[in-house]
């Protein structure tokens, strides 16, 4: 667990912190698994086991600011 400040300025504890190389939407969901695990219709993300909501994110540039790493709190 890690303590962080959410975009509304409130202090929260995360269940996990992950690092990504692509943009994600705040309030979206991350899931570890295969897309084939889902049925053909779009499932409700809150009903899928193992899904975590993206609570906060921060883009971290490399030294030349040519690429970014995203730190995401779940």
Protein backbone atom coordinates (compact mmCIF):
# COMPACT_ATOMS: atom_id res chain seq x y z
CA UNK A 1 0.00 0.00 0.00
CA UNK A 2 1.13 3.51 -0.75
CA UNK A 3 -0.31 6.81 0.40
CA UNK A 4 -1.07 9.36 -2.36
CA UNK A 5 -3.07 12.54 -3.00
CA UNK A 6 -5.92 12.03 -5.45
CA UNK A 7 -6.84 14.64 -8.11
CA UNK A 8 -9.45 16.12 -5.72
CA UNK A 9 -6.70 16.77 -3.15
CA UNK A 10 -7.73 14.04 -0.69
CA UNK A 11 -5.29 11.58 0.83
CA UNK A 12 -5.91 7.92 -0.13
CA UNK A 13 -4.21 4.55 0.13
CA UNK A 14 -3.64 2.54 -3.01
CA UNK A 15 -3.99 -1.23 -3.28
CA UNK A 16 -1.27 -1.32 -5.93
CA UNK A 17 1.07 0.91 -7.94
CA UNK A 18 1.91 0.02 -11.53
CA UNK A 19 4.12 1.60 -14.18
CA UNK A 20 2.85 1.82 -17.77
CA UNK A 21 4.25 3.02 -21.08
CA UNK A 22 0.92 4.24 -22.47
CA UNK A 23 -1.74 6.75 -21.44
CA UNK A 24 -4.74 5.58 -19.42
CA UNK A 25 -7.85 7.41 -18.27
CA UNK A 26 -8.34 8.43 -14.66
CA UNK A 27 -11.36 6.53 -13.34
CA UNK A 28 -10.77 3.75 -15.87
CA UNK A 29 -9.96 0.16 -14.95
CA UNK A 30 -6.96 -2.14 -15.30
CA UNK A 31 -7.30 -5.90 -15.52
CA UNK A 32 -4.65 -8.59 -15.61
CA UNK A 33 -5.75 -11.32 -17.99
CA UNK A 34 -6.67 -12.13 -21.56
CA UNK A 35 -9.33 -10.30 -23.52
CA UNK A 36 -10.76 -13.73 -24.39
CA UNK A 37 -11.77 -14.02 -20.72
CA UNK A 38 -14.65 -11.62 -21.46
CA UNK A 39 -17.86 -12.54 -23.24
CA UNK A 40 -18.68 -10.90 -26.58
CA UNK A 41 -20.77 -8.23 -24.85
CA UNK A 42 -18.92 -5.55 -22.86
CA UNK A 43 -18.99 -6.58 -19.18
CA UNK A 44 -19.51 -4.22 -16.28
CA UNK A 45 -15.90 -3.65 -15.08
CA UNK A 46 -16.96 -3.68 -11.44
CA UNK A 47 -18.32 -7.23 -11.83
CA UNK A 48 -15.09 -8.69 -13.24
CA UNK A 49 -12.84 -10.34 -10.68
CA UNK A 50 -9.41 -8.74 -10.33
CA UNK A 51 -10.27 -5.36 -11.90
CA UNK A 52 -8.76 -2.29 -10.22
CA UNK A 53 -9.91 1.31 -10.68
CA UNK A 54 -7.32 3.92 -11.69
CA UNK A 55 -7.41 6.40 -8.80
CA UNK A 56 -4.48 8.66 -9.74
CA UNK A 57 -1.70 8.89 -12.29
CA UNK A 58 1.48 10.82 -12.91
CA UNK A 59 3.49 11.11 -16.13
CA UNK A 60 7.23 10.92 -15.49
CA UNK A 61 9.46 12.14 -18.36
CA UNK A 62 12.83 10.66 -19.24
CA UNK A 63 15.90 12.94 -19.10
CA UNK A 64 15.29 14.41 -22.57
CA UNK A 65 11.49 14.50 -22.15
CA UNK A 66 11.11 12.46 -25.34
CA UNK A 67 9.21 9.65 -23.65
CA UNK A 68 7.15 9.21 -20.51
CA UNK A 69 6.53 6.51 -17.92
CA UNK A 70 3.14 6.56 -16.21
CA UNK A 71 2.91 5.81 -12.48
CA UNK A 72 -0.64 4.65 -11.75
CA UNK A 73 -2.20 4.20 -8.32
CA UNK A 74 -4.96 1.60 -8.13
